[in-house]
C-alpha cells in the first residue's frame, strides 16, 4: 500500500485518482504521519447505475382520501368542554 501526505494529496489529487483507477492499489493519505483517509477503487467498478435508482426511496402508502380526518370529528372531545371525560382536565 502506498502512503502519501495530505499536502501532496491536495496537490496531486486528480492524478492519484487516475492511478488508483488504473492499478487498483489503494493509497493511504496521512496527516502528521497518521493515516486519515484511504483512496481506493469502488468495491464494484462494474455496477449498474440503474440499480441505484430508487434504492433509497421511502415506502409508499395509498390513501383513498388523503384530506379526510384520521378520526371522526364527532370524537374530538378535547375541543368540546361539555364532552370531556375528565381524565386530563379538572
C-alpha atoms as a PDB file:
ATOM      1  CA  UNK A   1       0.000   0.000   0.000  1.00  0.00           C
ATOM      2  CA  UNK A   2       1.233   3.453  -0.903  1.00  0.00           C
ATOM      3  CA  UNK A   3       1.315   6.273   1.684  1.00  0.00           C
ATOM      4  CA  UNK A   4       1.142   9.957   0.802  1.00  0.00           C
ATOM      5  CA  UNK A   5       0.959  13.167   2.862  1.00  0.00           C
ATOM      6  CA  UNK A   6      -2.189  15.281   2.858  1.00  0.00           C
ATOM      7  CA  UNK A   7      -0.303  18.194   1.279  1.00  0.00           C
ATOM      8  CA  UNK A   8       0.923  16.008  -1.585  1.00  0.00           C
ATOM      9  CA  UNK A   9      -2.551  14.507  -1.966  1.00  0.00           C
ATOM     10  CA  UNK A  10      -4.026  18.002  -2.250  1.00  0.00           C
ATOM     11  CA  UNK A  11      -1.550  18.909  -4.993  1.00  0.00           C
ATOM     12  CA  UNK A  12      -1.942  15.656  -6.982  1.00  0.00           C
ATOM     13  CA  UNK A  13      -5.495  14.556  -6.179  1.00  0.00           C
ATOM     14  CA  UNK A  14      -6.772  14.014  -9.739  1.00  0.00           C
ATOM     15  CA  UNK A  15      -3.573  12.267 -10.840  1.00  0.00           C
ATOM     16  CA  UNK A  16      -3.758   9.961  -7.806  1.00  0.00           C
ATOM     17  CA  UNK A  17      -7.391   9.097  -8.567  1.00  0.00           C
ATOM     18  CA  UNK A  18      -6.380   8.092 -12.085  1.00  0.00           C
ATOM     19  CA  UNK A  19      -3.534   5.998 -10.648  1.00  0.00           C
ATOM     20  CA  UNK A  20      -5.849   4.157  -8.249  1.00  0.00           C
ATOM     21  CA  UNK A  21      -8.331   3.543 -11.044  1.00  0.00           C
ATOM     22  CA  UNK A  22      -5.598   2.153 -13.305  1.00  0.00           C
ATOM     23  CA  UNK A  23      -3.750  -0.001 -10.767  1.00  0.00           C
ATOM     24  CA  UNK A  24      -6.479  -0.839  -8.263  1.00  0.00           C
ATOM     25  CA  UNK A  25      -3.957  -0.282  -5.450  1.00  0.00           C
ATOM     26  CA  UNK A  26      -5.255   1.867  -2.568  1.00  0.00           C
ATOM     27  CA  UNK A  27      -3.401   4.950  -1.357  1.00  0.00           C
ATOM     28  CA  UNK A  28      -3.400   5.953   2.313  1.00  0.00           C
ATOM     29  CA  UNK A  29      -3.397   9.693   2.991  1.00  0.00           C
ATOM     30  CA  UNK A  30      -1.543  10.728   6.145  1.00  0.00           C
ATOM     31  CA  UNK A  31      -1.553  13.870   8.230  1.00  0.00           C
ATOM     32  CA  UNK A  32       1.453  14.322  10.511  1.00  0.00           C
ATOM     33  CA  UNK A  33       2.331  10.682   9.904  1.00  0.00           C
ATOM     34  CA  UNK A  34      -1.050   9.291  10.957  1.00  0.00           C
ATOM     35  CA  UNK A  35      -3.477   7.772   8.426  1.00  0.00           C
ATOM     36  CA  UNK A  36      -6.597   9.907   7.942  1.00  0.00           C
ATOM     37  CA  UNK A  37      -8.095   8.563   4.703  1.00  0.00           C
ATOM     38  CA  UNK A  38      -7.778   5.791   2.158  1.00  0.00           C
ATOM     39  CA  UNK A  39      -8.290   6.340  -1.554  1.00  0.00           C
ATOM     40  CA  UNK A  40      -9.340   3.062  -3.114  1.00  0.00           C
ATOM     41  CA  UNK A  41     -11.290   1.898  -6.139  1.00  0.00           C
ATOM     42  CA  UNK A  42     -15.005   1.246  -5.677  1.00  0.00           C
ATOM     43  CA  UNK A  43     -15.972  -2.188  -4.385  1.00  0.00           C
ATOM     44  CA  UNK A  44     -17.710  -2.993  -7.649  1.00  0.00           C
ATOM     45  CA  UNK A  45     -16.405  -0.922 -10.522  1.00  0.00           C
ATOM     46  CA  UNK A  46     -18.812  -2.616 -12.918  1.00  0.00           C
ATOM     47  CA  UNK A  47     -22.026  -1.777 -11.041  1.00  0.00           C
ATOM     48  CA  UNK A  48     -25.164  -0.926 -12.935  1.00  0.00           C
ATOM     49  CA  UNK A  49     -26.124   2.714 -12.353  1.00  0.00           C
ATOM     50  CA  UNK A  50     -29.758   1.777 -12.900  1.00  0.00           C
ATOM     51  CA  UNK A  51     -29.667  -0.477  -9.847  1.00  0.00           C
ATOM     52  CA  UNK A  52     -29.158   2.555  -7.600  1.00  0.00           C
ATOM     53  CA  UNK A  53     -32.276   4.350  -8.789  1.00  0.00           C
ATOM     54  CA  UNK A  54     -34.996   4.078  -6.185  1.00  0.00           C
ATOM     55  CA  UNK A  55     -32.948   2.190  -3.616  1.00  0.00           C
ATOM     56  CA  UNK A  56     -33.299   4.969  -1.044  1.00  0.00           C
ATOM     57  CA  UNK A  57     -36.965   5.802  -1.523  1.00  0.00           C
ATOM     58  CA  UNK A  58     -39.437   5.803   1.297  1.00  0.00           C
ATOM     59  CA  UNK A  59     -42.251   3.272   1.419  1.00  0.00           C
ATOM     60  CA  UNK A  60     -45.366   4.262  -0.469  1.00  0.00           C
ATOM     61  CA  UNK A  61     -48.769   4.250   1.190  1.00  0.00           C
ATOM     62  CA  UNK A  62     -52.122   4.603  -0.515  1.00  0.00           C
ATOM     63  CA  UNK A  63     -54.865   6.715   0.981  1.00  0.00           C
ATOM     64  CA  UNK A  64     -58.346   6.734  -0.519  1.00  0.00           C
ATOM     65  CA  UNK A  65     -58.974  10.264   0.728  1.00  0.00           C
ATOM     66  CA  UNK A  66     -55.779  11.921   1.963  1.00  0.00           C
ATOM     67  CA  UNK A  67     -57.634  15.048   3.129  1.00  0.00           C
ATOM     68  CA  UNK A  68     -60.171  13.206   5.277  1.00  0.00           C
ATOM     69  CA  UNK A  69     -59.556  13.351   9.032  1.00  0.00           C
ATOM     70  CA  UNK A  70     -57.970  10.287  10.580  1.00  0.00           C
ATOM     71  CA  UNK A  71     -60.598  10.305  13.339  1.00  0.00           C
ATOM     72  CA  UNK A  72     -64.253  11.223  13.009  1.00  0.00           C
ATOM     73  CA  UNK A  73     -64.636  14.873  14.132  1.00  0.00           C
ATOM     74  CA  UNK A  74     -67.501  13.858  16.442  1.00  0.00           C
ATOM     75  CA  UNK A  75     -64.881  12.028  18.509  1.00  0.00           C
ATOM     76  CA  UNK A  76     -62.820  15.160  19.037  1.00  0.00           C
ATOM     77  CA  UNK A  77     -63.998  15.633  22.607  1.00  0.00           C
ATOM     78  CA  UNK A  78     -60.904  17.535  23.604  1.00  0.00           C
ATOM     79  CA  UNK A  79     -62.308  20.582  21.815  1.00  0.00           C
ATOM     80  CA  UNK A  80     -65.778  20.253  23.336  1.00  0.00           C
ATOM     81  CA  UNK A  81     -65.786  21.160  27.050  1.00  0.00           C
ATOM     82  CA  UNK A  82     -69.198  19.521  27.594  1.00  0.00           C
ATOM     83  CA  UNK A  83     -67.962  16.096  26.454  1.00  0.00           C
ATOM     84  CA  UNK A  84     -64.533  15.897  28.065  1.00  0.00           C
ATOM     85  CA  UNK A  85     -64.048  12.690  30.001  1.00  0.00           C
ATOM     86  CA  UNK A  86     -62.179  14.326  32.865  1.00  0.00           C
ATOM     87  CA  UNK A  87     -59.028  12.235  32.535  1.00  0.00           C
ATOM     88  CA  UNK A  88     -56.775  15.136  31.647  1.00  0.00           C
ATOM     89  CA  UNK A  89     -58.858  18.116  32.714  1.00  0.00           C
ATOM     90  CA  UNK A  90     -60.225  19.041  36.073  1.00  0.00           C
END
